[in-house]
Amino acid sequence: KRFYLEMVRKGAVPKPPSDDEGSERPIKTSKKSDGDEGPSDPHGPLM
């Protein structure tokens, strides 16, 4: 699974909700959503 996570960080594969490290969608522990974990997070689509 480690190779998968490395590919996720490179952006080769879609980021799973369990490892949303800078995910384009504000899932629950998204680093981009500082308090606003809404579906229309202003920081989301930037990635």
N, C-alpha and C. Protein backbone atom coordinates (compact mmCIF):
# COMPACT_ATOMS: atom_id res chain seq x y z
N LYS A 1 0.85 -1.20 0.00
CA LYS A 1 0.00 0.00 0.00
C LYS A 1 0.88 1.24 0.00
N ARG A 2 2.10 1.11 0.44
CA ARG A 2 2.99 2.27 0.52
C ARG A 2 3.26 2.87 -0.86
N PHE A 3 3.44 2.02 -1.85
CA PHE A 3 3.69 2.55 -3.20
C PHE A 3 2.48 3.31 -3.70
N TYR A 4 1.30 2.86 -3.31
CA TYR A 4 0.06 3.54 -3.71
C TYR A 4 0.00 4.94 -3.10
N LEU A 5 0.37 5.04 -1.83
CA LEU A 5 0.35 6.34 -1.17
C LEU A 5 1.35 7.30 -1.80
N GLU A 6 2.49 6.77 -2.23
CA GLU A 6 3.49 7.63 -2.88
C GLU A 6 2.96 8.14 -4.21
N MET A 7 2.24 7.28 -4.93
CA MET A 7 1.65 7.69 -6.20
C MET A 7 0.56 8.72 -5.95
N VAL A 8 -0.15 8.56 -4.84
CA VAL A 8 -1.20 9.51 -4.48
C VAL A 8 -0.60 10.89 -4.27
N ARG A 9 0.54 10.94 -3.60
CA ARG A 9 1.19 12.22 -3.33
C ARG A 9 1.68 12.86 -4.63
N LYS A 10 2.09 12.02 -5.57
CA LYS A 10 2.55 12.54 -6.86
C LYS A 10 1.38 13.02 -7.71
N GLY A 11 0.18 12.54 -7.38
CA GLY A 11 -1.00 12.95 -8.14
C GLY A 11 -1.28 11.99 -9.28
N ALA A 12 -0.66 10.81 -9.24
CA ALA A 12 -0.86 9.83 -10.30
C ALA A 12 -2.22 9.14 -10.18
N VAL A 13 -2.72 9.07 -8.94
CA VAL A 13 -4.01 8.43 -8.71
C VAL A 13 -4.85 9.32 -7.80
N PRO A 14 -6.18 9.20 -7.87
CA PRO A 14 -7.07 9.99 -7.01
C PRO A 14 -6.82 9.71 -5.54
N LYS A 15 -6.86 10.75 -4.72
CA LYS A 15 -6.56 10.59 -3.30
C LYS A 15 -7.75 9.99 -2.56
N PRO A 16 -7.55 8.89 -1.85
CA PRO A 16 -8.61 8.27 -1.07
C PRO A 16 -8.93 9.10 0.18
N PRO A 17 -10.16 9.03 0.69
CA PRO A 17 -10.57 9.81 1.85
C PRO A 17 -9.74 9.50 3.09
N SER A 18 -9.11 8.34 3.13
CA SER A 18 -8.31 7.96 4.30
C SER A 18 -6.93 8.60 4.24
N ASP A 19 -6.56 9.13 3.07
CA ASP A 19 -5.24 9.74 2.93
C ASP A 19 -5.35 11.01 2.09
N ASP A 20 -6.29 11.87 2.47
CA ASP A 20 -6.49 13.09 1.68
C ASP A 20 -5.44 14.12 2.08
N GLU A 21 -4.28 14.01 1.52
CA GLU A 21 -3.18 14.91 1.86
C GLU A 21 -3.12 16.03 0.84
N GLY A 22 -3.96 17.07 1.06
CA GLY A 22 -4.02 18.13 0.07
C GLY A 22 -5.04 17.75 -0.99
N SER A 23 -6.10 17.09 -0.58
CA SER A 23 -7.11 16.65 -1.54
C SER A 23 -7.86 17.82 -2.13
N GLU A 24 -8.33 17.67 -3.38
CA GLU A 24 -9.07 18.76 -4.02
C GLU A 24 -10.46 18.91 -3.41
N ARG A 25 -10.94 17.84 -2.75
CA ARG A 25 -12.25 17.92 -2.10
C ARG A 25 -12.08 17.92 -0.58
N PRO A 26 -12.75 18.85 0.11
CA PRO A 26 -12.68 18.91 1.57
C PRO A 26 -13.35 17.72 2.23
N ILE A 27 -12.64 16.68 2.48
CA ILE A 27 -13.22 15.47 3.07
C ILE A 27 -13.12 15.67 4.59
N LYS A 28 -12.94 14.92 5.51
CA LYS A 28 -13.04 15.38 6.89
C LYS A 28 -11.75 15.91 7.49
N THR A 29 -10.62 15.35 7.11
CA THR A 29 -9.37 15.82 7.71
C THR A 29 -8.50 16.52 6.67
N SER A 30 -9.16 17.23 5.76
CA SER A 30 -8.42 17.92 4.70
C SER A 30 -7.61 19.07 5.28
N LYS A 31 -6.34 19.16 4.94
CA LYS A 31 -5.49 20.24 5.44
C LYS A 31 -5.95 21.58 4.89
N LYS A 32 -6.62 21.54 3.74
CA LYS A 32 -7.06 22.78 3.11
C LYS A 32 -8.24 23.40 3.85
N SER A 33 -9.10 22.59 4.44
CA SER A 33 -10.28 23.14 5.10
C SER A 33 -9.99 23.44 6.57
N ASP A 34 -9.77 24.71 6.85
CA ASP A 34 -9.51 25.12 8.23
C ASP A 34 -10.81 25.55 8.89
N GLY A 35 -11.63 24.59 9.27
CA GLY A 35 -12.88 24.95 9.92
C GLY A 35 -14.05 24.82 8.97
N ASP A 36 -13.88 25.26 7.71
CA ASP A 36 -15.01 25.14 6.78
C ASP A 36 -14.89 23.85 6.00
N GLU A 37 -15.56 22.82 6.51
CA GLU A 37 -15.50 21.52 5.86
C GLU A 37 -16.71 21.33 4.96
N GLY A 38 -17.16 22.42 4.36
CA GLY A 38 -18.34 22.39 3.51
C GLY A 38 -18.02 21.88 2.12
N PRO A 39 -19.04 21.57 1.34
CA PRO A 39 -18.86 21.06 -0.03
C PRO A 39 -18.28 22.10 -0.97
N SER A 40 -18.44 23.38 -0.60
CA SER A 40 -17.92 24.45 -1.45
C SER A 40 -16.77 25.15 -0.74
N ASP A 41 -15.75 24.37 -0.40
CA ASP A 41 -14.58 24.92 0.28
C ASP A 41 -13.76 25.76 -0.70
N PRO A 42 -13.48 27.01 -0.39
CA PRO A 42 -12.77 27.92 -1.30
C PRO A 42 -11.36 27.45 -1.63
N HIS A 43 -10.78 26.64 -0.76
CA HIS A 43 -9.40 26.19 -1.00
C HIS A 43 -9.37 24.86 -1.75
N GLY A 44 -10.50 24.18 -1.80
CA GLY A 44 -10.56 22.85 -2.39
C GLY A 44 -10.08 22.74 -3.83
N PRO A 45 -10.81 23.32 -4.79
CA PRO A 45 -10.51 23.14 -6.22
C PRO A 45 -9.16 23.70 -6.66
N LEU A 46 -8.45 24.41 -5.79
CA LEU A 46 -7.16 24.97 -6.18
C LEU A 46 -6.14 23.88 -6.48
N MET A 47 -6.23 22.77 -5.78
CA MET A 47 -5.31 21.66 -6.04
C MET A 47 -5.83 20.87 -7.25
